[in-house]
Amino acid sequence: MKPPYYDSDLIQTLQLSGEYIGRSNQPEQRADWVLFLIDEIKSLLPEDEYVTLLNQLNSKVAALNDETSG
């Protein structure tokens, strides 16, 4: 997946986070780490923007799931 725009610092930070989460030796905690990141974003957004973000994530995750199962 390509980032929506180029921000080298953000891309590097998220890539490192993704690698850390993906290589964790505790796979049962991977979703919790992703949810931790989402929760960190929540504190910075107005409620309506957070709801929009969750709806977008839900749609995109569902589409990814459809791609892998279909």
PDB file of N, CA and C in Angstrom:
ATOM      1  N   MET A   1       0.838  -1.180   0.000  1.00  0.00           N
ATOM      2  CA  MET A   1       0.000   0.000   0.000  1.00  0.00           C
ATOM      3  C   MET A   1       0.881   1.240   0.000  1.00  0.00           C
ATOM      4  N   LYS A   2       0.575   2.152  -0.867  1.00  0.00           N
ATOM      5  CA  LYS A   2       1.351   3.389  -0.961  1.00  0.00           C
ATOM      6  C   LYS A   2       0.788   4.434  -0.001  1.00  0.00           C
ATOM      7  N   PRO A   3       1.673   5.226   0.602  1.00  0.00           N
ATOM      8  CA  PRO A   3       1.183   6.304   1.459  1.00  0.00           C
ATOM      9  C   PRO A   3       0.489   7.372   0.615  1.00  0.00           C
ATOM     10  N   PRO A   4      -0.441   8.122   1.232  1.00  0.00           N
ATOM     11  CA  PRO A   4      -1.191   9.125   0.457  1.00  0.00           C
ATOM     12  C   PRO A   4      -0.334  10.292  -0.034  1.00  0.00           C
ATOM     13  N   TYR A   5       0.752  10.557   0.636  1.00  0.00           N
ATOM     14  CA  TYR A   5       1.690  11.596   0.211  1.00  0.00           C
ATOM     15  C   TYR A   5       3.042  11.267   0.817  1.00  0.00           C
ATOM     16  N   TYR A   6       4.058  11.943   0.358  1.00  0.00           N
ATOM     17  CA  TYR A   6       5.404  11.613   0.819  1.00  0.00           C
ATOM     18  C   TYR A   6       5.789  12.481   1.994  1.00  0.00           C
ATOM     19  N   ASP A   7       5.993  11.856   3.130  1.00  0.00           N
ATOM     20  CA  ASP A   7       6.515  12.508   4.326  1.00  0.00           C
ATOM     21  C   ASP A   7       7.543  11.537   4.884  1.00  0.00           C
ATOM     22  N   SER A   8       8.799  11.781   4.605  1.00  0.00           N
ATOM     23  CA  SER A   8       9.839  10.796   4.904  1.00  0.00           C
ATOM     24  C   SER A   8       9.890  10.421   6.384  1.00  0.00           C
ATOM     25  N   ASP A   9       9.720  11.386   7.279  1.00  0.00           N
ATOM     26  CA  ASP A   9       9.766  11.076   8.714  1.00  0.00           C
ATOM     27  C   ASP A   9       8.591  10.189   9.125  1.00  0.00           C
ATOM     28  N   LEU A  10       7.410  10.541   8.674  1.00  0.00           N
ATOM     29  CA  LEU A  10       6.227   9.761   9.019  1.00  0.00           C
ATOM     30  C   LEU A  10       6.298   8.365   8.414  1.00  0.00           C
ATOM     31  N   ILE A  11       6.699   8.276   7.161  1.00  0.00           N
ATOM     32  CA  ILE A  11       6.816   6.975   6.503  1.00  0.00           C
ATOM     33  C   ILE A  11       7.809   6.090   7.249  1.00  0.00           C
ATOM     34  N   GLN A  12       8.954   6.634   7.589  1.00  0.00           N
ATOM     35  CA  GLN A  12       9.967   5.840   8.284  1.00  0.00           C
ATOM     36  C   GLN A  12       9.454   5.378   9.651  1.00  0.00           C
ATOM     37  N   THR A  13       8.809   6.262  10.385  1.00  0.00           N
ATOM     38  CA  THR A  13       8.281   5.909  11.700  1.00  0.00           C
ATOM     39  C   THR A  13       7.227   4.813  11.583  1.00  0.00           C
ATOM     40  N   LEU A  14       6.313   4.950  10.628  1.00  0.00           N
ATOM     41  CA  LEU A  14       5.258   3.948  10.471  1.00  0.00           C
ATOM     42  C   LEU A  14       5.810   2.626   9.949  1.00  0.00           C
ATOM     43  N   GLN A  15       6.796   2.693   9.055  1.00  0.00           N
ATOM     44  CA  GLN A  15       7.418   1.451   8.581  1.00  0.00           C
ATOM     45  C   GLN A  15       8.092   0.716   9.732  1.00  0.00           C
ATOM     46  N   LEU A  16       8.818   1.439  10.558  1.00  0.00           N
ATOM     47  CA  LEU A  16       9.472   0.809  11.706  1.00  0.00           C
ATOM     48  C   LEU A  16       8.444   0.237  12.677  1.00  0.00           C
ATOM     49  N   SER A  17       7.362   0.978  12.900  1.00  0.00           N
ATOM     50  CA  SER A  17       6.296   0.472  13.770  1.00  0.00           C
ATOM     51  C   SER A  17       5.676  -0.786  13.189  1.00  0.00           C
ATOM     52  N   GLY A  18       5.408  -0.763  11.883  1.00  0.00           N
ATOM     53  CA  GLY A  18       4.832  -1.934  11.220  1.00  0.00           C
ATOM     54  C   GLY A  18       5.749  -3.135  11.288  1.00  0.00           C
ATOM     55  N   GLU A  19       7.035  -2.909  11.093  1.00  0.00           N
ATOM     56  CA  GLU A  19       8.000  -4.006  11.182  1.00  0.00           C
ATOM     57  C   GLU A  19       8.046  -4.567  12.602  1.00  0.00           C
ATOM     58  N   TYR A  20       8.053  -3.691  13.572  1.00  0.00           N
ATOM     59  CA  TYR A  20       8.094  -4.135  14.959  1.00  0.00           C
ATOM     60  C   TYR A  20       6.856  -4.970  15.299  1.00  0.00           C
ATOM     61  N   ILE A  21       5.684  -4.461  14.912  1.00  0.00           N
ATOM     62  CA  ILE A  21       4.442  -5.169  15.197  1.00  0.00           C
ATOM     63  C   ILE A  21       4.401  -6.494  14.428  1.00  0.00           C
ATOM     64  N   GLY A  22       4.769  -6.471  13.166  1.00  0.00           N
ATOM     65  CA  GLY A  22       4.726  -7.675  12.342  1.00  0.00           C
ATOM     66  C   GLY A  22       5.697  -8.751  12.785  1.00  0.00           C
ATOM     67  N   ARG A  23       6.813  -8.351  13.336  1.00  0.00           N
ATOM     68  CA  ARG A  23       7.837  -9.316  13.761  1.00  0.00           C
ATOM     69  C   ARG A  23       7.747  -9.674  15.243  1.00  0.00           C
ATOM     70  N   SER A  24       6.737  -9.163  15.899  1.00  0.00           N
ATOM     71  CA  SER A  24       6.570  -9.443  17.321  1.00  0.00           C
ATOM     72  C   SER A  24       6.480 -10.944  17.559  1.00  0.00           C
ATOM     73  N   ASN A  25       7.096 -11.380  18.638  1.00  0.00           N
ATOM     74  CA  ASN A  25       7.014 -12.800  18.971  1.00  0.00           C
ATOM     75  C   ASN A  25       5.766 -13.097  19.798  1.00  0.00           C
ATOM     76  N   GLN A  26       4.870 -12.135  19.870  1.00  0.00           N
ATOM     77  CA  GLN A  26       3.587 -12.299  20.546  1.00  0.00           C
ATOM     78  C   GLN A  26       2.465 -11.921  19.583  1.00  0.00           C
ATOM     79  N   PRO A  27       2.178 -12.797  18.614  1.00  0.00           N
ATOM     80  CA  PRO A  27       1.206 -12.460  17.576  1.00  0.00           C
ATOM     81  C   PRO A  27      -0.188 -12.136  18.116  1.00  0.00           C
ATOM     82  N   GLU A  28      -0.529 -12.659  19.274  1.00  0.00           N
ATOM     83  CA  GLU A  28      -1.846 -12.377  19.840  1.00  0.00           C
ATOM     84  C   GLU A  28      -1.973 -10.915  20.267  1.00  0.00           C
ATOM     85  N   GLN A  29      -0.860 -10.183  20.326  1.00  0.00           N
ATOM     86  CA  GLN A  29      -0.893  -8.775  20.738  1.00  0.00           C
ATOM     87  C   GLN A  29      -0.786  -7.806  19.563  1.00  0.00           C
ATOM     88  N   ARG A  30      -0.639  -8.316  18.343  1.00  0.00           N
ATOM     89  CA  ARG A  30      -0.472  -7.410  17.187  1.00  0.00           C
ATOM     90  C   ARG A  30      -1.657  -6.470  17.028  1.00  0.00           C
ATOM     91  N   ALA A  31      -2.866  -6.996  17.109  1.00  0.00           N
ATOM     92  CA  ALA A  31      -4.051  -6.146  16.956  1.00  0.00           C
ATOM     93  C   ALA A  31      -4.097  -5.089  18.061  1.00  0.00           C
ATOM     94  N   ASP A  32      -3.691  -5.476  19.261  1.00  0.00           N
ATOM     95  CA  ASP A  32      -3.680  -4.508  20.363  1.00  0.00           C
ATOM     96  C   ASP A  32      -2.718  -3.350  20.092  1.00  0.00           C
ATOM     97  N   TRP A  33      -1.588  -3.639  19.464  1.00  0.00           N
ATOM     98  CA  TRP A  33      -0.639  -2.575  19.126  1.00  0.00           C
ATOM     99  C   TRP A  33      -1.225  -1.641  18.072  1.00  0.00           C
ATOM    100  N   VAL A  34      -1.895  -2.209  17.084  1.00  0.00           N
ATOM    101  CA  VAL A  34      -2.534  -1.376  16.050  1.00  0.00           C
ATOM    102  C   VAL A  34      -3.622  -0.519  16.691  1.00  0.00           C
ATOM    103  N   LEU A  35      -4.401  -1.105  17.578  1.00  0.00           N
ATOM    104  CA  LEU A  35      -5.430  -0.341  18.270  1.00  0.00           C
ATOM    105  C   LEU A  35      -4.828   0.737  19.167  1.00  0.00           C
ATOM    106  N   PHE A  36      -3.662   0.471  19.731  1.00  0.00           N
ATOM    107  CA  PHE A  36      -2.960   1.489  20.511  1.00  0.00           C
ATOM    108  C   PHE A  36      -2.651   2.711  19.633  1.00  0.00           C
ATOM    109  N   LEU A  37      -2.171   2.470  18.420  1.00  0.00           N
ATOM    110  CA  LEU A  37      -1.874   3.587  17.505  1.00  0.00           C
ATOM    111  C   LEU A  37      -3.140   4.371  17.178  1.00  0.00           C
ATOM    112  N   ILE A  38      -4.230   3.655  16.939  1.00  0.00           N
ATOM    113  CA  ILE A  38      -5.501   4.320  16.636  1.00  0.00           C
ATOM    114  C   ILE A  38      -5.951   5.151  17.842  1.00  0.00           C
ATOM    115  N   ASP A  39      -5.783   4.608  19.029  1.00  0.00           N
ATOM    116  CA  ASP A  39      -6.161   5.338  20.232  1.00  0.00           C
ATOM    117  C   ASP A  39      -5.312   6.599  20.421  1.00  0.00           C
ATOM    118  N   GLU A  40      -4.050   6.529  20.051  1.00  0.00           N
ATOM    119  CA  GLU A  40      -3.191   7.721  20.126  1.00  0.00           C
ATOM    120  C   GLU A  40      -3.709   8.813  19.192  1.00  0.00           C
ATOM    121  N   ILE A  41      -4.185   8.429  18.027  1.00  0.00           N
ATOM    122  CA  ILE A  41      -4.747   9.396  17.077  1.00  0.00           C
ATOM    123  C   ILE A  41      -6.044   9.982  17.624  1.00  0.00           C
ATOM    124  N   LYS A  42      -6.846   9.125  18.265  1.00  0.00           N
ATOM    125  CA  LYS A  42      -8.143   9.554  18.801  1.00  0.00           C
ATOM    126  C   LYS A  42      -8.007  10.786  19.682  1.00  0.00           C
ATOM    127  N   SER A  43      -6.996  10.826  20.505  1.00  0.00           N
ATOM    128  CA  SER A  43      -6.846  11.938  21.442  1.00  0.00           C
ATOM    129  C   SER A  43      -6.553  13.267  20.748  1.00  0.00           C
ATOM    130  N   LEU A  44      -6.205  13.220  19.480  1.00  0.00           N
ATOM    131  CA  LEU A  44      -5.844  14.437  18.751  1.00  0.00           C
ATOM    132  C   LEU A  44      -6.938  14.931  17.805  1.00  0.00           C
ATOM    133  N   LEU A  45      -8.016  14.152  17.666  1.00  0.00           N
ATOM    134  CA  LEU A  45      -9.055  14.485  16.699  1.00  0.00           C
ATOM    135  C   LEU A  45     -10.364  14.864  17.381  1.00  0.00           C
ATOM    136  N   PRO A  46     -11.123  15.758  16.736  1.00  0.00           N
ATOM    137  CA  PRO A  46     -12.497  15.967  17.202  1.00  0.00           C
ATOM    138  C   PRO A  46     -13.281  14.656  16.995  1.00  0.00           C
ATOM    139  N   GLU A  47     -14.322  14.470  17.783  1.00  0.00           N
ATOM    140  CA  GLU A  47     -15.064  13.212  17.759  1.00  0.00           C
ATOM    141  C   GLU A  47     -15.594  12.862  16.368  1.00  0.00           C
ATOM    142  N   ASP A  48     -16.130  13.846  15.639  1.00  0.00           N
ATOM    143  CA  ASP A  48     -16.681  13.543  14.312  1.00  0.00           C
ATOM    144  C   ASP A  48     -15.592  13.081  13.334  1.00  0.00           C
ATOM    145  N   GLU A  49     -14.406  13.662  13.436  1.00  0.00           N
ATOM    146  CA  GLU A  49     -13.308  13.228  12.565  1.00  0.00           C
ATOM    147  C   GLU A  49     -12.827  11.832  12.946  1.00  0.00           C
ATOM    148  N   TYR A  50     -12.854  11.529  14.231  1.00  0.00           N
ATOM    149  CA  TYR A  50     -12.460  10.200  14.684  1.00  0.00           C
ATOM    150  C   TYR A  50     -13.447   9.151  14.174  1.00  0.00           C
ATOM    151  N   VAL A  51     -14.742   9.458  14.234  1.00  0.00           N
ATOM    152  CA  VAL A  51     -15.759   8.538  13.721  1.00  0.00           C
ATOM    153  C   VAL A  51     -15.561   8.330  12.224  1.00  0.00           C
ATOM    154  N   THR A  52     -15.277   9.394  11.501  1.00  0.00           N
ATOM    155  CA  THR A  52     -15.004   9.279  10.068  1.00  0.00           C
ATOM    156  C   THR A  52     -13.788   8.399   9.822  1.00  0.00           C
ATOM    157  N   LEU A  53     -12.739   8.592  10.602  1.00  0.00           N
ATOM    158  CA  LEU A  53     -11.535   7.768  10.480  1.00  0.00           C
ATOM    159  C   LEU A  53     -11.868   6.293  10.694  1.00  0.00           C
ATOM    160  N   LEU A  54     -12.613   5.985  11.750  1.00  0.00           N
ATOM    161  CA  LEU A  54     -12.980   4.594  12.024  1.00  0.00           C
ATOM    162  C   LEU A  54     -13.798   3.997  10.884  1.00  0.00           C
ATOM    163  N   ASN A  55     -14.719   4.780  10.326  1.00  0.00           N
ATOM    164  CA  ASN A  55     -15.516   4.290   9.197  1.00  0.00           C
ATOM    165  C   ASN A  55     -14.639   4.018   7.977  1.00  0.00           C
ATOM    166  N   GLN A  56     -13.691   4.901   7.716  1.00  0.00           N
ATOM    167  CA  GLN A  56     -12.768   4.693   6.596  1.00  0.00           C
ATOM    168  C   GLN A  56     -11.914   3.453   6.822  1.00  0.00           C
ATOM    169  N   LEU A  57     -11.401   3.293   8.034  1.00  0.00           N
ATOM    170  CA  LEU A  57     -10.597   2.111   8.348  1.00  0.00           C
ATOM    171  C   LEU A  57     -11.413   0.846   8.185  1.00  0.00           C
ATOM    172  N   ASN A  58     -12.641   0.863   8.671  1.00  0.00           N
ATOM    173  CA  ASN A  58     -13.513  -0.298   8.570  1.00  0.00           C
ATOM    174  C   ASN A  58     -13.725  -0.687   7.106  1.00  0.00           C
ATOM    175  N   SER A  59     -13.999   0.299   6.262  1.00  0.00           N
ATOM    176  CA  SER A  59     -14.214   0.029   4.841  1.00  0.00           C
ATOM    177  C   SER A  59     -12.956  -0.517   4.169  1.00  0.00           C
ATOM    178  N   LYS A  60     -11.829   0.080   4.480  1.00  0.00           N
ATOM    179  CA  LYS A  60     -10.579  -0.349   3.844  1.00  0.00           C
ATOM    180  C   LYS A  60     -10.119  -1.717   4.340  1.00  0.00           C
ATOM    181  N   VAL A  61     -10.318  -2.000   5.609  1.00  0.00           N
ATOM    182  CA  VAL A  61      -9.967  -3.322   6.133  1.00  0.00           C
ATOM    183  C   VAL A  61     -10.890  -4.372   5.514  1.00  0.00           C
ATOM    184  N   ALA A  62     -12.175  -4.058   5.374  1.00  0.00           N
ATOM    185  CA  ALA A  62     -13.110  -4.991   4.747  1.00  0.00           C
ATOM    186  C   ALA A  62     -12.695  -5.262   3.302  1.00  0.00           C
ATOM    187  N   ALA A  63     -12.268  -4.219   2.576  1.00  0.00           N
ATOM    188  CA  ALA A  63     -11.825  -4.401   1.193  1.00  0.00           C
ATOM    189  C   ALA A  63     -10.568  -5.265   1.137  1.00  0.00           C
ATOM    190  N   LEU A  64      -9.629  -5.062   2.052  1.00  0.00           N
ATOM    191  CA  LEU A  64      -8.430  -5.899   2.102  1.00  0.00           C
ATOM    192  C   LEU A  64      -8.799  -7.352   2.388  1.00  0.00           C
ATOM    193  N   ASN A  65      -9.754  -7.532   3.287  1.00  0.00           N
ATOM    194  CA  ASN A  65     -10.206  -8.882   3.616  1.00  0.00           C
ATOM    195  C   ASN A  65     -10.845  -9.546   2.391  1.00  0.00           C
ATOM    196  N   ASP A  66     -11.633  -8.789   1.639  1.00  0.00           N
ATOM    197  CA  ASP A  66     -12.257  -9.314   0.425  1.00  0.00           C
ATOM    198  C   ASP A  66     -11.190  -9.726  -0.598  1.00  0.00           C
ATOM    199  N   GLU A  67     -10.138  -8.913  -0.706  1.00  0.00           N
ATOM    200  CA  GLU A  67      -9.053  -9.226  -1.653  1.00  0.00           C
ATOM    201  C   GLU A  67      -8.345 -10.514  -1.289  1.00  0.00           C
ATOM    202  N   THR A  68      -8.117 -10.737  -0.014  1.00  0.00           N
ATOM    203  CA  THR A  68      -7.372 -11.913   0.399  1.00  0.00           C
ATOM    204  C   THR A  68      -8.217 -13.170   0.439  1.00  0.00           C
ATOM    205  N   SER A  69      -9.520 -13.018   0.628  1.00  0.00           N
ATOM    206  CA  SER A  69     -10.374 -14.212   0.686  1.00  0.00           C
ATOM    207  C   SER A  69     -11.080 -14.499  -0.625  1.00  0.00           C
ATOM    208  N   GLY A  70     -10.952 -13.622  -1.587  1.00  0.00           N
ATOM    209  CA  GLY A  70     -11.673 -13.832  -2.835  1.00  0.00           C
ATOM    210  C   GLY A  70     -10.828 -14.026  -3.979  1.00  0.00           C
TER     211      GLY A  70
END
